[in-house]
Amino acid sequence: MSSSRPWLYPGVCTERCPFASNPLHSPVIGQRTMRVLIAWLLIGSLGGVSAQPAPEWSVKAVFIYNFTRFVEWPEMAFAGPDSPFIIGIVGADPFGPVLPEAVAGEKVGTHPIRVQRFQQIADVKDCHLLYISAKEPEKAREMLAAIPRRPMLTVGESPTFARQGGMIRFLTMNNKIRLEVNPTTVRAAQLDISSKLLQVAQIVD
């Protein structure tokens, strides 16, 4: 992972993180700081991440990376021990270079992380984490219904995403990015989600 990514998470936290010896407003994000961010974002007691002043999609890219640390995929989801872990984006890509840079050089176990873009849901085949960019509930519902039945974590933002078959939804409350999780759909996809992630999310069925 690159040791100089000033755009990734600048100025997010002005408080001292209980899991680190330094504040988290350093402009340089390296491997050590990324590990701190994992603890801070998903284990800490902040309960949400301010949508400002950090760029929204930089924050969400870090969340998506962190999901790979708090969700487990079965080995049958991979063609082989060294096959890539695919993060897919279907539809319009709001991340630009941010998400590929956030996961560059990272692995899920022995599987190197790759980002792949799909124009339409029919193109989605071998994917482990899929971000669905559609924000209209009906469009998101159609995409979710068309996803192949396999161990695939779905992430989206439409208002009813987690209630209509999606697994993790980003939402903004009080200017903070929060999570909505449907653990039933996660487990139905043969995925194991950490209780630590569930503790900081709003749970829906």
Protein backbone atom coordinates (compact mmCIF):
# COMPACT_ATOMS: atom_id res chain seq x y z
CA MET A 1 0.00 0.00 0.00
CA SER A 2 1.19 3.45 -0.81
CA SER A 3 2.42 5.40 2.22
CA SER A 4 1.36 8.78 0.88
CA ARG A 5 -2.35 9.24 0.24
CA PRO A 6 -3.24 12.75 1.39
CA TRP A 7 -6.67 12.59 -0.25
CA LEU A 8 -7.79 9.37 1.41
CA TYR A 9 -8.77 10.52 4.86
CA PRO A 10 -7.70 14.10 5.56
CA GLY A 11 -9.00 15.83 8.67
CA VAL A 12 -11.69 13.27 9.53
CA CYS A 13 -11.09 12.98 13.24
CA THR A 14 -10.16 15.87 15.48
CA GLU A 15 -10.37 13.72 18.62
CA ARG A 16 -7.72 11.34 19.91
CA CYS A 17 -8.50 7.78 18.95
CA PRO A 18 -8.52 5.37 21.93
CA PHE A 19 -6.72 2.77 19.79
CA ALA A 20 -3.72 4.86 18.79
CA SER A 21 -1.04 7.09 20.28
CA ASN A 22 -1.56 9.90 17.78
CA PRO A 23 -4.59 11.84 16.55
CA LEU A 24 -6.05 10.69 13.25
CA HIS A 25 -5.83 13.98 11.39
CA SER A 26 -2.45 13.23 9.84
CA PRO A 27 -2.47 13.90 6.08
CA VAL A 28 -0.48 10.71 5.43
CA ILE A 29 -2.31 7.37 5.47
CA GLY A 30 -0.13 4.27 5.49
CA GLN A 31 -0.65 0.66 6.52
CA ARG A 32 -0.33 1.35 10.25
CA THR A 33 -2.82 4.19 10.13
CA MET A 34 -5.21 2.13 8.01
CA ARG A 35 -5.22 -0.52 10.72
CA VAL A 36 -6.03 2.19 13.27
CA LEU A 37 -8.87 3.39 11.05
CA ILE A 38 -10.31 -0.12 11.01
CA ALA A 39 -10.46 -0.14 14.79
CA TRP A 40 -11.69 3.44 15.02
CA LEU A 41 -14.39 3.19 12.39
CA LEU A 42 -15.85 -0.18 13.29
CA ILE A 43 -14.88 -0.98 16.89
CA GLY A 44 -14.66 2.46 18.44
CA SER A 45 -17.44 4.31 20.21
CA LEU A 46 -17.84 7.24 17.83
CA GLY A 47 -20.93 5.66 16.26
CA GLY A 48 -20.46 7.36 12.91
CA VAL A 49 -17.99 9.24 10.78
CA SER A 50 -18.39 12.91 10.00
CA ALA A 51 -19.21 13.47 6.35
CA GLN A 52 -17.13 16.66 6.51
CA PRO A 53 -14.43 17.80 6.07
CA ALA A 54 -13.26 14.53 4.50
CA PRO A 55 -14.50 13.90 0.94
CA GLU A 56 -17.56 11.67 1.17
CA TRP A 57 -16.30 9.03 -1.23
CA SER A 58 -12.92 8.81 0.47
CA VAL A 59 -14.72 7.97 3.72
CA LYS A 60 -16.92 5.38 2.02
CA ALA A 61 -13.93 3.81 0.28
CA VAL A 62 -12.30 3.22 3.66
CA PHE A 63 -15.53 1.72 4.97
CA ILE A 64 -15.70 -0.67 2.01
CA TYR A 65 -12.11 -1.73 2.60
CA ASN A 66 -12.94 -2.31 6.27
CA PHE A 67 -15.92 -4.50 5.41
CA THR A 68 -13.44 -7.04 4.03
CA ARG A 69 -11.96 -7.28 7.56
CA PHE A 70 -15.25 -7.73 9.38
CA VAL A 71 -17.02 -10.13 7.01
CA GLU A 72 -15.78 -13.64 6.21
CA TRP A 73 -16.27 -15.37 2.86
CA PRO A 74 -16.29 -19.17 2.52
CA GLU A 75 -13.40 -20.72 0.62
CA MET A 76 -15.82 -22.01 -2.00
CA ALA A 77 -16.30 -18.37 -3.06
CA PHE A 78 -12.80 -18.43 -4.58
CA ALA A 79 -11.49 -20.37 -7.56
CA GLY A 80 -8.15 -20.97 -5.84
CA PRO A 81 -5.97 -19.87 -2.91
CA ASP A 82 -4.43 -17.00 -4.87
CA SER A 83 -7.46 -15.92 -6.90
CA PRO A 84 -8.44 -12.27 -6.47
CA PHE A 85 -11.03 -10.85 -4.13
CA ILE A 86 -13.22 -8.75 -6.44
CA ILE A 87 -14.86 -5.53 -5.29
CA GLY A 88 -17.37 -4.67 -7.98
CA ILE A 89 -19.10 -1.40 -8.80
CA VAL A 90 -22.21 -1.69 -10.94
CA GLY A 91 -23.62 1.33 -12.73
CA ALA A 92 -22.15 4.82 -12.34
CA ASP A 93 -18.85 4.84 -10.44
CA PRO A 94 -18.89 7.57 -7.77
CA PHE A 95 -15.47 6.63 -6.36
CA GLY A 96 -13.20 7.42 -9.31
CA PRO A 97 -9.61 6.52 -8.33
CA VAL A 98 -10.34 6.65 -4.59
CA LEU A 99 -11.47 3.05 -4.03
CA PRO A 100 -8.73 1.40 -6.14
CA GLU A 101 -6.11 3.45 -4.28
CA ALA A 102 -7.62 2.58 -0.89
CA VAL A 103 -7.25 -1.16 -1.51
CA ALA A 104 -4.03 -1.14 -3.53
CA GLY A 105 -1.67 -3.84 -2.30
CA GLU A 106 -4.20 -5.24 0.18
CA LYS A 107 -5.43 -8.82 0.50
CA VAL A 108 -8.32 -10.72 2.01
CA GLY A 109 -6.42 -13.63 3.45
CA THR A 110 -4.31 -14.83 0.52
CA HIS A 111 -6.54 -13.15 -2.06
CA PRO A 112 -5.33 -9.84 -3.56
CA ILE A 113 -8.07 -7.22 -3.74
CA ARG A 114 -9.08 -5.98 -7.18
CA VAL A 115 -11.68 -3.38 -8.16
CA GLN A 116 -13.82 -4.14 -11.20
CA ARG A 117 -16.50 -1.98 -12.82
CA PHE A 118 -19.66 -3.36 -14.42
CA GLN A 119 -21.96 -1.41 -16.72
CA GLN A 120 -25.01 -3.48 -15.85
CA ILE A 121 -26.02 -6.14 -13.37
CA ALA A 122 -26.03 -8.86 -16.04
CA ASP A 123 -22.26 -8.41 -16.35
CA VAL A 124 -21.69 -9.31 -12.69
CA LYS A 125 -20.31 -12.83 -12.40
CA ASP A 126 -17.43 -13.54 -10.04
CA CYS A 127 -17.66 -10.81 -7.43
CA HIS A 128 -17.27 -10.89 -3.65
CA LEU A 129 -18.36 -7.39 -2.64
CA LEU A 130 -20.67 -5.42 -4.92
CA TYR A 131 -21.44 -1.71 -4.60
CA ILE A 132 -24.76 -0.90 -6.29
CA SER A 133 -24.77 2.76 -7.25
CA ALA A 134 -28.50 3.05 -8.01
CA LYS A 135 -30.15 5.34 -5.46
CA GLU A 136 -33.71 4.90 -6.71
CA PRO A 137 -35.39 2.14 -4.62
CA GLU A 138 -37.07 0.47 -7.60
CA LYS A 139 -33.87 0.38 -9.66
CA ALA A 140 -31.88 -0.96 -6.71
CA ARG A 141 -34.54 -3.60 -6.06
CA GLU A 142 -34.35 -4.78 -9.68
CA MET A 143 -30.57 -5.04 -9.48
CA LEU A 144 -30.67 -6.95 -6.21
CA ALA A 145 -33.19 -9.41 -7.63
CA ALA A 146 -30.92 -10.09 -10.61
CA ILE A 147 -27.73 -10.76 -8.64
CA PRO A 148 -26.41 -14.33 -8.92
CA ARG A 149 -26.98 -16.39 -5.77
CA ARG A 150 -23.47 -16.70 -4.37
CA PRO A 151 -21.45 -15.43 -1.39
CA MET A 152 -21.50 -11.75 -2.37
CA LEU A 153 -21.75 -8.81 0.04
CA THR A 154 -23.99 -6.10 -1.40
CA VAL A 155 -23.55 -2.45 -0.45
CA GLY A 156 -25.75 0.44 -1.54
CA GLU A 157 -27.44 3.68 -0.63
CA SER A 158 -31.05 3.64 -1.79
CA PRO A 159 -33.46 4.44 1.09
CA THR A 160 -34.86 0.90 1.30
CA PHE A 161 -31.71 -0.95 0.24
CA ALA A 162 -31.26 -3.07 3.36
CA ARG A 163 -34.98 -3.83 3.55
CA GLN A 164 -35.36 -5.09 0.01
CA GLY A 165 -32.57 -7.65 -0.13
CA GLY A 166 -29.42 -5.55 0.21
CA MET A 167 -26.95 -6.19 3.03
CA ILE A 168 -25.22 -2.94 4.01
CA ARG A 169 -26.52 0.56 3.35
CA PHE A 170 -24.68 3.84 3.73
CA LEU A 171 -26.80 6.63 5.17
CA THR A 172 -26.08 10.10 6.49
CA MET A 173 -27.53 11.25 9.81
CA ASN A 174 -26.57 14.46 11.57
CA ASN A 175 -23.82 14.96 9.00
CA LYS A 176 -22.28 11.58 9.84
CA ILE A 177 -21.98 8.53 7.62
CA ARG A 178 -23.61 5.57 9.33
CA LEU A 179 -24.42 1.99 8.43
CA GLU A 180 -27.63 0.02 8.14
CA VAL A 181 -27.14 -3.77 8.08
CA ASN A 182 -29.49 -6.64 7.34
CA PRO A 183 -27.76 -9.62 9.01
CA THR A 184 -30.41 -12.04 7.75
CA THR A 185 -29.53 -11.44 4.09
CA VAL A 186 -25.82 -11.47 4.92
CA ARG A 187 -26.02 -14.92 6.49
CA ALA A 188 -28.32 -16.21 3.76
CA ALA A 189 -25.45 -15.53 1.35
CA GLN A 190 -23.17 -17.80 3.44
CA LEU A 191 -21.24 -14.85 4.81
CA ASP A 192 -20.15 -14.49 8.43
CA ILE A 193 -20.44 -10.93 9.72
CA SER A 194 -18.59 -9.82 12.83
CA SER A 195 -20.60 -8.82 15.89
CA LYS A 196 -18.28 -5.82 16.18
CA LEU A 197 -19.61 -4.48 12.90
CA LEU A 198 -23.20 -5.16 13.93
CA GLN A 199 -22.66 -3.26 17.18
CA VAL A 200 -22.02 0.02 15.36
CA ALA A 201 -24.77 -0.42 12.74
CA GLN A 202 -28.52 0.01 12.69
CA ILE A 203 -30.02 -3.46 12.30
CA VAL A 204 -32.93 -4.07 9.91
CA ASP A 205 -34.76 -7.24 8.89
